Every structure is written in C-alpha cells, then in structure tokens.
C-alpha cells in the first residue's frame, strides 16, 4: 500500500545512470511532495554518506511500525529525542543505509518517528522528510555536511551539547512555552481589551469613487429649489475620510465655488455640523474641537481629555501643528491660559505626544510603577499627583494595563477607585478618564456616547465627534461594548435620541444594529 498521491513503486529506489534520473518502478516526481526528483539519490561530492547512495531495498519503503530503529554504529534512539552524534552519521559499510531484513526499516522501540501508514506521507514542517535547500542543509554542498561527519547536526538536530529542538516527538525545549513543562511561571497577565484583528471601522473606501463625479452629485443636490438631503447622506455616508476631504478642492475646481459655504447655505442645525465635520481631516477636526472646548464660556474638560488621551503620538503632533497654523497660538499656550493646577499639568503632559509606544511589557518595572502609585496615594496622607501624572502620561498603554493589574493585586483595590478617593475636581475626572481610555478604549467611547444621549437633552457635539472620529477606527468594537455595558444597541439609542436627516447620517456612521 502506498501513501495517497504516490503511485505504487515496483521496487524501491533503483540505481540510475546519472544524477536524479527517472528510473522505471521508482517514485515519479510529485509536485510539492517527496521526493522532488525521480529516481534515487546518487552519491554527491562531499555529501553524506560516502558511497553509492541508497541501495535497492526489497519492497521500497513499506509501512513502518515505529520509525527508525537503533542501528549498530548509526543513529540510536535516545530518550527525549534524537541528540546529535559526534561526527554525525558514520559511513556504512557498502555505502548508504544497509538493507534490512524484511525489506525496509524494522520497527524500533519507542522514541522514533511515529508509525507510517504506507509510503512517505506529505512533508511536515520541521520534521522528516523535509528536503534540504539547494546546496544541502547549512549551505553545505550535497545532502548535509561534507564527507567525514556532520558537525552542524542532522537537519533539525542540534550540535553536541545543545538542547534538542521540538521538531521531534518527545523532545521538549525548556525555553519554549507549550513543550513539556516549559511554560513560564509568574503572575497572570491583566485581561486587556479584546483585540479584534483587521479593520474595525464601519466606513470603508468606496470602490471606484471619483471626486469629480461626486461633486456633480453634491452640486445637483443643492442646485435649484430645495435641497436633496438624501443624496448628500448617501454620498457622504458611503465615502471614507480620504475620499471626502478632496471633494472641497474638486468642487472649487469644477464650479469655482466653496463647497463648505454652499453646504452652510443649504443645511442647518446638527445635520450641518455633522456634514461639515465629515469634510475635515481627522487632525483638522480634532484641532477645531479642542479650540471650541477651550475658547467658549467655560471649558469642556472632558473633550480635552477624550482627544488627548485616545490619540497616538503622531496624531497629537499633527493636531498641535494644525492648531498653531489655524489659530496662531500653540495648543500648549491655549491649555495653559484656560486651565490650572494639576489638571493643567495633566493636559500639557498629554499634549506633548511623547508617550512610550512600545508593545513589550517589563513585569518587574510594572510592579515598581504600581508600588510608586500606591506610595503616592493610598499609602500616604495626601496625594502626590505628580507621580500619577508621570506614570499615566509617559508609560505605554500595554505597560499601564499591567501596572493597573499589579496595583489591584498589591492593595486589593482598583486604580480608578483609588484615584476617586484621593483626588477631586477636574484632576480626578481627568485621571479617571485616562485610566479608562487606557484600560479599554472602545468601552471608554461607548460610555462617552451613552452619557451624551442619556438624560434630558443630547450633547450633540460629543455625539458627532465620537461618531465621526471613530467610524474608521473601532466603531464595530464600540458597538459591541455598548451592547455589553447597556444591554441595547448603539443603533437603537441613536434612533431614539435623534431625528431627521441628522439621525440618518449618524446611523450611516454607526453602520448597523447589534
């Protein structure tokens, strides 16, 4: 019986007249299978073993009952894997592997390759029969090492004195988790937010979108008596930000008019605000929102924290650049003039865009930071806000998630509760918001949306900002968290709290019900 895909051979590997010849009765070449050449392996200069290749075996490679046996002078079975032998495989008398009684390699007691069900199976990664690359393993000529031994070991077998790699059954590698007791011990890592791989937004690039055709649709929707709001909703609600932003230049090029001014003259209210927000780049929109949060009567501290704690370093730097260009004043100066105390220091620290962004976590450093936070708050009379500021604004988000976990383990109290007990006012709400955003950004935004809609009146600026800014980032995750936290879908709450064209476009950004 032969393995599926391999035709029955009328012998094993018969000798051929030249290198890699197809011989009658041998294994013909199979695409992607063993052996890649027809015929047998003739002796190669400098290859192992010195001799005449594989001599004919009676019956070829029959079904194996246990794998490679211990051979006299050859490669004996070892407990725990195949360690390398000094000098590699010694030459066999007569060249190659001698024929075995019974036509093939008899069964070996444990530790060898698992039983074969007839013929060679398809090659498995990291196991025999994998074929060597051109030139042999370890860039040596022929199949293996030069004649005289294999100092670098057989493919997948370590050199003398090294641990066997886990390519062979029963050969654990202590340094690799999952192999026979090699799992590292230590504290259980914190449960971070669920990481859904791939694109998690609801608005994607529209295939084949053409700015010139799109502005024609917008012009037609606004021209004449009345406005076709549905045409505007359908177009803007199906274009990504990078497809929407160029519409302003294309409109001016085509019609010699300003698209934003025309839209303002045709639309109104929250619908107008939403449409204009969607025509800005993310950094332009964030800069304008920060400006509005600072300049009005009273400061929208939650907006400042929301933007500065959730954006990447590169995004914050672009926001500060645009802020200075658009408003003639640095963002830091604007924050300094409108806030005070430790809250001002928190915002200025975040606005630098210098947070560590490494993904790796040093457990010992996380423990030290947790101890510093404990010493700065719970352990002393009064609170050292500067220590909280230094750690929360400078450390990477994965590191801080580990710090929060270590803090909980150390004092049996959640870091948020400690902050609430130790601080007050804007600095308390600001620090808590930073912690929430770092712990689970999607849950943080789900909470922001819920607070914007619940109670009397809707905080439309917050609703618009979150829906527009997260629609191409993590809106699908926000929807999941919203459903988990509040037991109803975000789509349902938006539908119940808004109306008209404003509602229609918001639901486009939401993307669907859960």
Protein backbone atom coordinates (compact mmCIF):
# COMPACT_ATOMS: atom_id res chain seq x y z
CA UNK A 1 0.00 0.00 0.00
CA UNK A 2 1.34 3.44 -0.84
CA UNK A 3 0.51 6.86 0.52
CA UNK A 4 -2.23 8.76 -1.33
CA UNK A 5 -0.71 10.73 -4.17
CA UNK A 6 2.25 8.42 -4.58
CA UNK A 7 1.91 5.72 -7.25
CA UNK A 8 2.99 2.20 -6.25
CA UNK A 9 6.61 1.54 -6.88
CA UNK A 10 7.90 -1.62 -8.37
CA UNK A 11 10.92 -1.67 -6.16
CA UNK A 12 12.47 0.95 -4.00
CA UNK A 13 14.96 3.42 -5.31
CA UNK A 14 16.70 1.60 -8.20
CA UNK A 15 20.05 2.79 -9.37
CA UNK A 16 20.11 5.16 -12.33
CA UNK A 17 22.67 6.04 -14.87
CA UNK A 18 23.07 9.67 -13.95
CA UNK A 19 22.16 12.23 -11.33
CA UNK A 20 18.48 12.32 -10.44
CA UNK A 21 17.39 10.07 -13.26
CA UNK A 22 13.83 8.85 -13.52
CA UNK A 23 14.07 5.07 -13.18
CA UNK A 24 11.42 2.52 -14.00
CA UNK A 25 9.49 1.46 -10.99
CA UNK A 26 10.70 4.28 -8.78
CA UNK A 27 8.81 7.14 -7.30
CA UNK A 28 7.93 9.60 -10.06
CA UNK A 29 8.27 13.28 -9.27
CA UNK A 30 5.23 14.68 -7.49
CA UNK A 31 4.67 18.44 -7.34
CA UNK A 32 5.33 19.61 -3.80
CA UNK A 33 5.77 16.08 -2.42
CA UNK A 34 8.57 13.64 -1.55
CA UNK A 35 10.83 13.05 -3.33
CA UNK A 36 11.06 16.09 -5.55
CA UNK A 37 13.20 14.20 -8.08
CA UNK A 38 12.52 10.97 -9.81
CA UNK A 39 14.76 8.06 -9.15
CA UNK A 40 17.26 7.85 -6.36
CA UNK A 41 19.86 9.99 -4.70
CA UNK A 42 23.22 9.21 -6.30
CA UNK A 43 26.34 9.93 -4.32
CA UNK A 44 27.22 13.61 -4.37
CA UNK A 45 30.72 15.02 -3.93
CA UNK A 46 31.10 15.91 -0.30
CA UNK A 47 27.68 14.60 0.67
CA UNK A 48 26.72 12.09 3.35
CA UNK A 49 27.15 9.19 3.26
CA UNK A 50 30.16 8.49 1.06
CA UNK A 51 29.03 5.62 -1.00
CA UNK A 52 26.69 4.72 -3.75
CA UNK A 53 23.52 6.39 -2.47
CA UNK A 54 20.52 4.41 -1.31
CA UNK A 55 20.94 0.77 -2.36
CA UNK A 56 17.83 -1.00 -3.60
CA UNK A 57 15.56 -2.20 -0.82
CA UNK A 58 13.28 -5.11 -1.17
CA UNK A 59 9.86 -3.63 -1.49
CA UNK A 60 10.84 0.06 -1.10
CA UNK A 61 9.72 1.89 1.99
CA UNK A 62 6.91 -0.22 3.47
CA UNK A 63 4.58 0.72 6.30
CA UNK A 64 6.56 1.37 9.44
CA UNK A 65 5.53 0.19 12.86
CA UNK A 66 7.59 2.58 14.86
CA UNK A 67 10.08 4.60 12.81
CA UNK A 68 13.85 4.48 12.80
CA UNK A 69 15.35 1.67 14.89
CA UNK A 70 18.57 1.85 16.77
CA UNK A 71 21.22 0.88 14.23
CA UNK A 72 24.60 -0.55 15.04
CA UNK A 73 27.05 2.29 14.60
CA UNK A 74 24.33 4.57 13.33
CA UNK A 75 21.80 6.84 14.92
CA UNK A 76 20.40 5.15 18.03
CA UNK A 77 17.09 6.12 19.57
CA UNK A 78 17.57 8.37 22.55
CA UNK A 79 15.13 9.19 25.32
CA UNK A 80 13.68 12.62 24.70
CA UNK A 81 14.64 12.98 21.05
CA UNK A 82 17.48 12.47 18.63
CA UNK A 83 20.64 14.01 20.04
CA UNK A 84 23.45 14.64 17.65
CA UNK A 85 26.26 12.11 17.44
CA UNK A 86 29.87 13.12 17.49
CA UNK A 87 30.95 13.27 13.92
CA UNK A 88 27.46 12.86 12.50
CA UNK A 89 26.45 9.64 10.78
CA UNK A 90 29.39 7.29 10.36
CA UNK A 91 29.84 5.78 6.94
CA UNK A 92 28.04 2.49 6.46
CA UNK A 93 29.85 -0.45 5.01
CA UNK A 94 28.81 -0.72 1.39
CA UNK A 95 27.59 2.83 1.26
CA UNK A 96 24.26 4.29 2.35
CA UNK A 97 21.79 2.61 4.69
CA UNK A 98 22.17 -1.16 4.55
CA UNK A 99 19.20 -3.21 3.50
CA UNK A 100 17.20 -4.57 6.40
CA UNK A 101 15.78 -8.00 6.67
CA UNK A 102 12.17 -7.89 5.78
CA UNK A 103 12.52 -5.14 3.21
CA UNK A 104 12.89 -1.79 4.88
CA UNK A 105 13.46 -0.35 8.32
CA UNK A 106 12.01 -2.61 11.01
CA UNK A 107 10.07 -1.32 13.99
CA UNK A 108 12.02 0.40 16.71
CA UNK A 109 11.20 0.52 20.40
CA UNK A 110 9.76 3.99 21.17
CA UNK A 111 11.27 7.37 20.57
CA UNK A 112 11.46 7.19 16.80
CA UNK A 113 9.24 8.60 14.15
CA UNK A 114 5.57 7.65 14.52
CA UNK A 115 4.28 4.71 12.50
CA UNK A 116 3.77 5.24 8.82
CA UNK A 117 0.69 4.04 7.03
CA UNK A 118 2.48 3.08 3.86
CA UNK A 119 4.96 5.09 1.85
CA UNK A 120 6.14 8.54 2.77
CA UNK A 121 3.45 11.00 3.92
CA UNK A 122 3.50 14.62 2.87
CA UNK A 123 6.36 16.51 4.45
CA UNK A 124 5.50 18.16 7.76
CA UNK A 125 7.13 21.47 8.80
CA UNK A 126 10.18 20.84 10.89
CA UNK A 127 10.12 17.02 10.57
CA UNK A 128 11.49 14.34 8.30
CA UNK A 129 11.07 14.03 5.37
CA UNK A 130 11.75 17.68 4.68
CA UNK A 131 14.13 18.15 1.79
CA UNK A 132 17.19 20.37 2.11
CA UNK A 133 17.54 23.63 0.25
CA UNK A 134 19.84 23.85 -2.72
CA UNK A 135 23.32 23.05 -1.59
CA UNK A 136 22.30 20.97 1.40
CA UNK A 137 21.49 21.92 4.98
CA UNK A 138 23.61 24.67 6.44
CA UNK A 139 24.70 25.81 2.96
CA UNK A 140 26.98 22.77 2.62
CA UNK A 141 27.48 21.01 -0.70
CA UNK A 142 25.46 17.87 -1.27
CA UNK A 143 22.93 16.45 1.14
CA UNK A 144 24.17 17.51 4.56
CA UNK A 145 27.75 18.17 5.55
CA UNK A 146 30.99 17.39 3.77
CA UNK A 147 32.24 13.82 3.91
CA UNK A 148 33.75 12.99 7.24
CA UNK A 149 30.91 13.98 9.52
CA UNK A 150 28.14 16.49 10.23
CA UNK A 151 29.38 18.94 12.82
CA UNK A 152 26.28 21.09 12.38
CA UNK A 153 23.97 18.13 13.07
CA UNK A 154 21.30 16.48 11.04
CA UNK A 155 18.51 18.82 9.86
CA UNK A 156 16.59 19.80 12.98
CA UNK A 157 19.06 18.02 15.31
CA UNK A 158 21.27 20.28 17.44
CA UNK A 159 25.01 20.17 17.66
CA UNK A 160 26.58 18.25 20.56
CA UNK A 161 25.84 19.78 23.92
CA UNK A 162 22.71 21.67 22.77
CA UNK A 163 19.10 21.03 23.72
CA UNK A 164 17.06 19.19 21.08
CA UNK A 165 14.51 21.37 19.30
CA UNK A 166 10.83 20.41 19.49
CA UNK A 167 10.67 19.15 15.90
CA UNK A 168 10.89 15.56 17.12
CA UNK A 169 8.19 13.95 19.21
CA UNK A 170 9.20 13.78 22.83
CA UNK A 171 11.98 16.33 22.57
CA UNK A 172 10.95 19.27 24.76
CA UNK A 173 12.66 22.62 24.62
CA UNK A 174 12.59 24.22 28.06
CA UNK A 175 12.74 27.70 26.61
CA UNK A 176 9.59 27.38 24.53
CA UNK A 177 6.14 27.53 26.20
CA UNK A 178 3.87 24.63 25.50
CA UNK A 179 6.57 21.97 25.34
CA UNK A 180 6.66 19.65 28.31
CA UNK A 181 6.69 21.88 31.36
CA UNK A 182 8.37 24.82 29.68
CA UNK A 183 5.51 27.23 30.50
CA UNK A 184 6.93 30.16 32.44
CA UNK A 185 5.51 30.78 35.86
CA UNK A 186 4.54 34.17 37.17
CA UNK A 187 1.55 36.42 37.78
CA UNK A 188 -1.40 36.12 35.48
CA UNK A 189 -1.26 38.98 32.96
CA UNK A 190 -4.09 41.51 33.05
CA UNK A 191 -7.14 40.94 30.91
CA UNK A 192 -6.82 43.67 28.32
CA UNK A 193 -9.49 44.77 25.88
CA UNK A 194 -10.49 42.21 23.28
CA UNK A 195 -8.27 42.74 20.27
CA UNK A 196 -10.18 42.12 17.09
CA UNK A 197 -7.76 41.93 14.23
CA UNK A 198 -8.39 43.57 10.91
CA UNK A 199 -10.35 46.70 10.02
CA UNK A 200 -12.84 47.53 12.79
CA UNK A 201 -14.43 50.66 11.34
CA UNK A 202 -17.83 50.95 9.67
CA UNK A 203 -16.91 53.35 6.85
CA UNK A 204 -14.61 51.99 4.16
CA UNK A 205 -13.24 53.26 0.86
CA UNK A 206 -15.91 53.25 -1.82
CA UNK A 207 -14.64 51.27 -4.82
CA UNK A 208 -14.05 53.46 -7.86
CA UNK A 209 -15.06 56.74 -6.19
CA UNK A 210 -14.38 59.74 -8.43
CA UNK A 211 -14.25 63.21 -6.79
CA UNK A 212 -15.42 64.94 -9.98
CA UNK A 213 -18.50 62.73 -10.26
CA UNK A 214 -19.16 63.05 -6.53
CA UNK A 215 -19.13 66.87 -6.57
CA UNK A 216 -21.51 66.77 -9.50
CA UNK A 217 -23.93 64.80 -7.30
CA UNK A 218 -23.49 67.32 -4.46
CA UNK A 219 -23.99 70.29 -6.79
CA UNK A 220 -27.15 68.78 -8.24
CA UNK A 221 -28.45 68.07 -4.70
CA UNK A 222 -28.07 71.75 -3.73
CA UNK A 223 -28.97 73.45 -7.03
CA UNK A 224 -32.42 74.86 -7.63
CA UNK A 225 -35.36 74.98 -5.28
CA UNK A 226 -34.88 72.89 -2.16
CA UNK A 227 -32.09 70.51 -1.22
CA UNK A 228 -31.87 66.78 -1.81
CA UNK A 229 -30.56 65.83 1.64
CA UNK A 230 -30.87 62.10 0.91
CA UNK A 231 -28.40 62.40 -1.98
CA UNK A 232 -25.92 64.15 0.34
CA UNK A 233 -26.43 61.50 3.05
CA UNK A 234 -25.99 58.60 0.62
CA UNK A 235 -22.83 60.05 -0.88
CA UNK A 236 -21.02 61.24 2.26
CA UNK A 237 -22.16 58.20 4.26
CA UNK A 238 -20.52 55.82 1.79
CA UNK A 239 -17.15 57.57 1.32
CA UNK A 240 -14.13 57.26 3.58
CA UNK A 241 -12.47 60.36 5.03
CA UNK A 242 -9.70 60.31 2.45
CA UNK A 243 -12.38 60.25 -0.28
CA UNK A 244 -14.50 63.01 1.32
CA UNK A 245 -11.79 65.58 2.05
CA UNK A 246 -10.71 66.07 -1.63
CA UNK A 247 -14.31 66.97 -2.53
CA UNK A 248 -13.73 70.55 -1.32
CA UNK A 249 -10.91 71.11 -3.83
CA UNK A 250 -12.71 69.23 -6.61
CA UNK A 251 -15.87 71.33 -6.06
CA UNK A 252 -13.94 74.60 -6.26
CA UNK A 253 -12.04 73.41 -9.34
CA UNK A 254 -15.24 72.36 -11.12
CA UNK A 255 -17.67 75.12 -10.12
CA UNK A 256 -15.48 77.94 -8.80
CA UNK A 257 -17.42 77.91 -5.53
CA UNK A 258 -16.69 76.93 -1.94
CA UNK A 259 -18.35 73.63 -1.01
CA UNK A 260 -18.43 74.42 2.72
CA UNK A 261 -20.15 77.78 2.14
CA UNK A 262 -22.70 76.21 -0.22
CA UNK A 263 -23.49 73.46 2.28
CA UNK A 264 -23.88 76.01 5.09
CA UNK A 265 -26.34 77.98 3.00
CA UNK A 266 -28.42 74.87 2.24
CA UNK A 267 -28.28 72.93 5.51
CA UNK A 268 -28.76 73.78 9.16
CA UNK A 269 -28.59 72.61 12.74
CA UNK A 270 -26.90 69.40 13.84
CA UNK A 271 -27.13 67.93 10.35
CA UNK A 272 -24.99 70.79 9.01
CA UNK A 273 -22.46 70.37 11.84
CA UNK A 274 -22.20 66.64 11.13
CA UNK A 275 -21.74 67.10 7.37
CA UNK A 276 -19.02 69.75 7.83
CA UNK A 277 -17.23 67.58 10.42
CA UNK A 278 -17.07 64.76 7.87
CA UNK A 279 -15.34 67.02 5.32
CA UNK A 280 -12.32 67.70 7.57
CA UNK A 281 -9.24 65.56 8.06
CA UNK A 282 -9.11 63.84 11.48
CA UNK A 283 -6.40 66.22 12.73
CA UNK A 284 -8.26 69.32 11.46
CA UNK A 285 -11.45 68.14 13.15
CA UNK A 286 -9.67 67.38 16.44
CA UNK A 287 -7.93 70.77 16.41
CA UNK A 288 -11.25 72.55 15.82
CA UNK A 289 -12.89 70.57 18.64
CA UNK A 290 -10.07 71.45 21.04
CA UNK A 291 -10.43 75.09 20.04
CA UNK A 292 -14.17 75.02 20.76
CA UNK A 293 -13.58 73.23 24.08
CA UNK A 294 -11.16 75.95 25.22
CA UNK A 295 -12.50 79.23 23.83
CA UNK A 296 -16.16 79.13 24.86
CA UNK A 297 -17.72 80.19 28.11
CA UNK A 298 -16.38 77.53 30.41
CA UNK A 299 -14.05 74.76 29.32
CA UNK A 300 -15.15 71.36 28.08
CA UNK A 301 -12.56 69.45 30.11
CA UNK A 302 -13.96 66.06 29.11
CA UNK A 303 -13.44 66.86 25.41
CA UNK A 304 -9.82 67.86 26.04
CA UNK A 305 -9.09 64.63 27.92
CA UNK A 306 -11.00 62.49 25.40
CA UNK A 307 -8.94 63.69 22.44
CA UNK A 308 -5.53 63.90 24.11
CA UNK A 309 -5.75 60.53 25.89
CA UNK A 310 -7.01 58.50 22.92
CA UNK A 311 -4.84 59.73 20.03
CA UNK A 312 -1.41 58.37 19.09
CA UNK A 313 1.79 60.42 19.37
CA UNK A 314 1.83 61.10 15.63
CA UNK A 315 -1.82 62.21 15.69
CA UNK A 316 -1.24 64.56 18.63
CA UNK A 317 1.77 66.15 16.95
CA UNK A 318 -0.25 66.73 13.78
CA UNK A 319 -3.09 68.24 15.84
CA UNK A 320 -0.71 70.65 17.60
CA UNK A 321 0.84 71.64 14.24
CA UNK A 322 -2.57 72.39 12.71
CA UNK A 323 -3.73 74.21 15.85
CA UNK A 324 -0.78 76.59 15.65
CA UNK A 325 -1.30 77.12 11.90
CA UNK A 326 -5.06 77.65 12.08
CA UNK A 327 -5.35 79.66 15.28
CA UNK A 328 -1.98 81.40 15.57
CA UNK A 329 -1.33 80.05 19.03
CA UNK A 330 0.21 76.85 20.32
CA UNK A 331 -2.11 74.27 21.85
CA UNK A 332 0.03 74.24 24.99
CA UNK A 333 -0.39 78.00 25.44
CA UNK A 334 -4.12 77.71 24.88
CA UNK A 335 -4.37 74.96 27.52
CA UNK A 336 -2.19 76.92 29.97
CA UNK A 337 -4.37 80.00 29.64
CA UNK A 338 -7.64 78.16 30.22
CA UNK A 339 -6.83 75.57 32.92
CA UNK A 340 -4.89 75.46 36.17
CA UNK A 341 -3.20 73.27 38.75
CA UNK A 342 -2.60 69.57 38.36
CA UNK A 343 -5.28 69.32 35.66
CA UNK A 344 -3.34 71.78 33.51
CA UNK A 345 -0.16 69.75 34.06
CA UNK A 346 -2.00 66.56 33.06
CA UNK A 347 -3.26 68.13 29.81
CA UNK A 348 0.12 69.66 28.94
CA UNK A 349 1.83 66.31 29.55
CA UNK A 350 -0.63 64.53 27.25
CA UNK A 351 -0.36 67.23 24.57
CA UNK A 352 3.37 66.59 24.12
CA UNK A 353 2.71 63.38 22.18
CA UNK A 354 5.68 61.63 23.79
CA UNK A 355 4.07 58.54 25.32
CA UNK A 356 6.15 55.37 25.10
CA UNK A 357 4.56 53.27 22.35
CA UNK A 358 6.45 50.00 22.77
CA UNK A 359 4.28 46.88 22.82
CA UNK A 360 6.54 44.90 25.16
CA UNK A 361 5.92 44.86 28.92
CA UNK A 362 8.56 44.58 31.66
CA UNK A 363 6.76 42.89 34.56
CA UNK A 364 9.31 44.00 37.16
CA UNK A 365 9.03 47.63 36.03
CA UNK A 366 5.23 47.38 36.11
CA UNK A 367 5.44 46.17 39.73
CA UNK A 368 7.70 49.11 40.59
CA UNK A 369 5.28 51.60 38.99
CA UNK A 370 2.36 50.02 40.87
CA UNK A 371 4.31 50.43 44.12
CA UNK A 372 5.04 54.08 43.26
CA UNK A 373 1.35 54.77 42.64
CA UNK A 374 0.43 53.06 45.90
CA UNK A 375 3.07 55.06 47.79
CA UNK A 376 1.86 58.30 46.14
CA UNK A 377 -1.79 57.74 47.05
CA UNK A 378 -3.23 55.10 49.34
CA UNK A 379 -0.13 54.71 51.49
CA UNK A 380 0.34 58.34 52.47
CA UNK A 381 -1.65 61.22 53.88
CA UNK A 382 -2.44 63.44 50.93
CA UNK A 383 -1.69 62.58 47.33
CA UNK A 384 1.36 63.08 45.13
CA UNK A 385 -0.43 63.90 41.88
CA UNK A 386 2.91 64.42 40.13
CA UNK A 387 3.73 60.71 40.45
CA UNK A 388 0.39 59.75 38.91
CA UNK A 389 0.95 62.29 36.15
CA UNK A 390 4.44 60.99 35.37
CA UNK A 391 3.36 57.36 35.08
CA UNK A 392 -0.04 57.79 33.39
CA UNK A 393 1.23 60.20 30.72
CA UNK A 394 4.59 58.66 29.84
CA UNK A 395 4.25 54.87 30.01
CA UNK A 396 2.98 52.74 27.14
CA UNK A 397 -0.63 51.56 27.19
CA UNK A 398 0.22 47.81 27.41
CA UNK A 399 2.61 48.60 30.28
CA UNK A 400 -0.04 50.64 32.11
CA UNK A 401 -2.59 47.84 31.78
CA UNK A 402 -0.06 45.60 33.54
CA UNK A 403 0.55 48.32 36.17
CA UNK A 404 -3.19 48.54 36.90
CA UNK A 405 -3.28 44.75 37.28
CA UNK A 406 -0.30 44.75 39.66
CA UNK A 407 -1.86 47.60 41.64
CA UNK A 408 -5.07 45.60 42.09
CA UNK A 409 -3.05 42.55 43.20
CA UNK A 410 -0.98 44.62 45.61
CA UNK A 411 -3.66 46.55 47.51
CA UNK A 412 -6.88 44.78 46.51
CA UNK A 413 -8.34 47.97 45.11
CA UNK A 414 -8.99 49.17 41.58
CA UNK A 415 -6.82 52.09 40.48
CA UNK A 416 -9.92 54.11 39.48
CA UNK A 417 -11.38 53.83 42.99
CA UNK A 418 -8.07 54.89 44.50
CA UNK A 419 -7.97 57.99 42.27
CA UNK A 420 -11.56 58.86 43.17
CA UNK A 421 -10.73 58.52 46.88
CA UNK A 422 -7.52 60.54 46.69
CA UNK A 423 -8.34 63.35 44.22
CA UNK A 424 -11.23 65.64 43.37
CA UNK A 425 -12.50 68.04 40.72
CA UNK A 426 -11.13 68.16 37.19
CA UNK A 427 -7.89 66.36 38.03
CA UNK A 428 -9.88 63.43 39.41
CA UNK A 429 -12.17 63.17 36.37
CA UNK A 430 -9.20 63.68 34.06
CA UNK A 431 -7.08 60.94 35.65
CA UNK A 432 -10.01 58.53 35.74
CA UNK A 433 -10.75 59.20 32.06
CA UNK A 434 -7.11 58.50 31.14
CA UNK A 435 -7.22 55.21 33.09
CA UNK A 436 -10.50 54.15 31.45
CA UNK A 437 -9.25 55.00 27.96
CA UNK A 438 -6.06 53.01 28.52
CA UNK A 439 -7.85 50.01 30.04
CA UNK A 440 -10.36 49.65 27.22
CA UNK A 441 -10.60 52.42 24.62
CA UNK A 442 -13.76 51.05 22.97
CA UNK A 443 -15.59 50.76 26.32
CA UNK A 444 -14.50 54.32 27.16
CA UNK A 445 -16.05 55.66 23.95
CA UNK A 446 -19.19 53.56 24.45
CA UNK A 447 -19.57 55.29 27.84
CA UNK A 448 -18.98 58.71 26.25
CA UNK A 449 -21.76 58.04 23.73
CA UNK A 450 -24.16 56.80 26.40
CA UNK A 451 -23.59 59.88 28.56
CA UNK A 452 -24.09 62.12 25.51
CA UNK A 453 -27.54 60.67 24.89
CA UNK A 454 -28.98 59.81 28.28
CA UNK A 455 -30.95 62.24 30.39
CA UNK A 456 -32.66 65.42 29.28
CA UNK A 457 -31.17 66.76 26.07
CA UNK A 458 -28.44 65.37 23.89
CA UNK A 459 -24.80 66.50 23.92
CA UNK A 460 -24.69 66.64 20.14
CA UNK A 461 -21.13 67.93 19.88
CA UNK A 462 -19.85 64.88 21.77
CA UNK A 463 -22.11 62.55 19.77
CA UNK A 464 -20.92 63.97 16.44
CA UNK A 465 -17.24 63.99 17.47
CA UNK A 466 -17.16 60.36 18.63
CA UNK A 467 -19.24 59.02 15.72
CA UNK A 468 -17.13 60.82 13.09
CA UNK A 469 -13.70 60.25 14.68
CA UNK A 470 -14.20 56.53 15.45
CA UNK A 471 -16.17 55.48 12.33
CA UNK A 472 -12.98 54.35 10.58
CA UNK A 473 -11.10 53.20 13.70
CA UNK A 474 -13.06 50.97 16.08
CA UNK A 475 -16.80 51.63 15.70
CA UNK A 476 -17.54 47.90 15.50
CA UNK A 477 -15.80 47.37 18.85
CA UNK A 478 -17.60 50.37 20.38
CA UNK A 479 -20.92 48.88 19.30
CA UNK A 480 -20.00 45.56 20.94
CA UNK A 481 -19.01 47.30 24.19
CA UNK A 482 -22.17 49.44 24.13
CA UNK A 483 -24.33 46.33 23.85
CA UNK A 484 -22.37 44.63 26.65
CA UNK A 485 -22.48 47.60 29.02
CA UNK A 486 -26.02 48.84 28.45
CA UNK A 487 -27.93 45.83 27.16
CA UNK A 488 -29.12 47.57 23.99
CA UNK A 489 -27.60 48.51 20.69
CA UNK A 490 -25.99 51.85 19.93
CA UNK A 491 -28.11 51.97 16.76
CA UNK A 492 -31.30 51.77 18.85
CA UNK A 493 -30.25 54.58 21.20
CA UNK A 494 -29.22 56.88 18.34
CA UNK A 495 -32.55 56.18 16.61
CA UNK A 496 -34.47 57.06 19.77
CA UNK A 497 -32.47 60.17 20.64
CA UNK A 498 -32.09 61.92 17.27
CA UNK A 499 -34.31 62.60 14.27
CA UNK A 500 -34.50 63.53 10.62
CA UNK A 501 -31.53 63.78 8.29
CA UNK A 502 -29.19 64.13 11.28
CA UNK A 503 -30.31 60.70 12.51
CA UNK A 504 -29.99 59.13 9.04
CA UNK A 505 -26.36 60.22 8.64
CA UNK A 506 -25.43 59.22 12.21
CA UNK A 507 -26.87 55.74 11.57
CA UNK A 508 -24.76 55.53 8.39
CA UNK A 509 -21.69 56.10 10.56
CA UNK A 510 -22.95 53.58 13.13
CA UNK A 511 -23.18 51.01 10.35
CA UNK A 512 -25.97 48.78 11.67
CA UNK A 513 -27.73 47.37 14.69
CA UNK A 514 -26.35 44.66 17.00
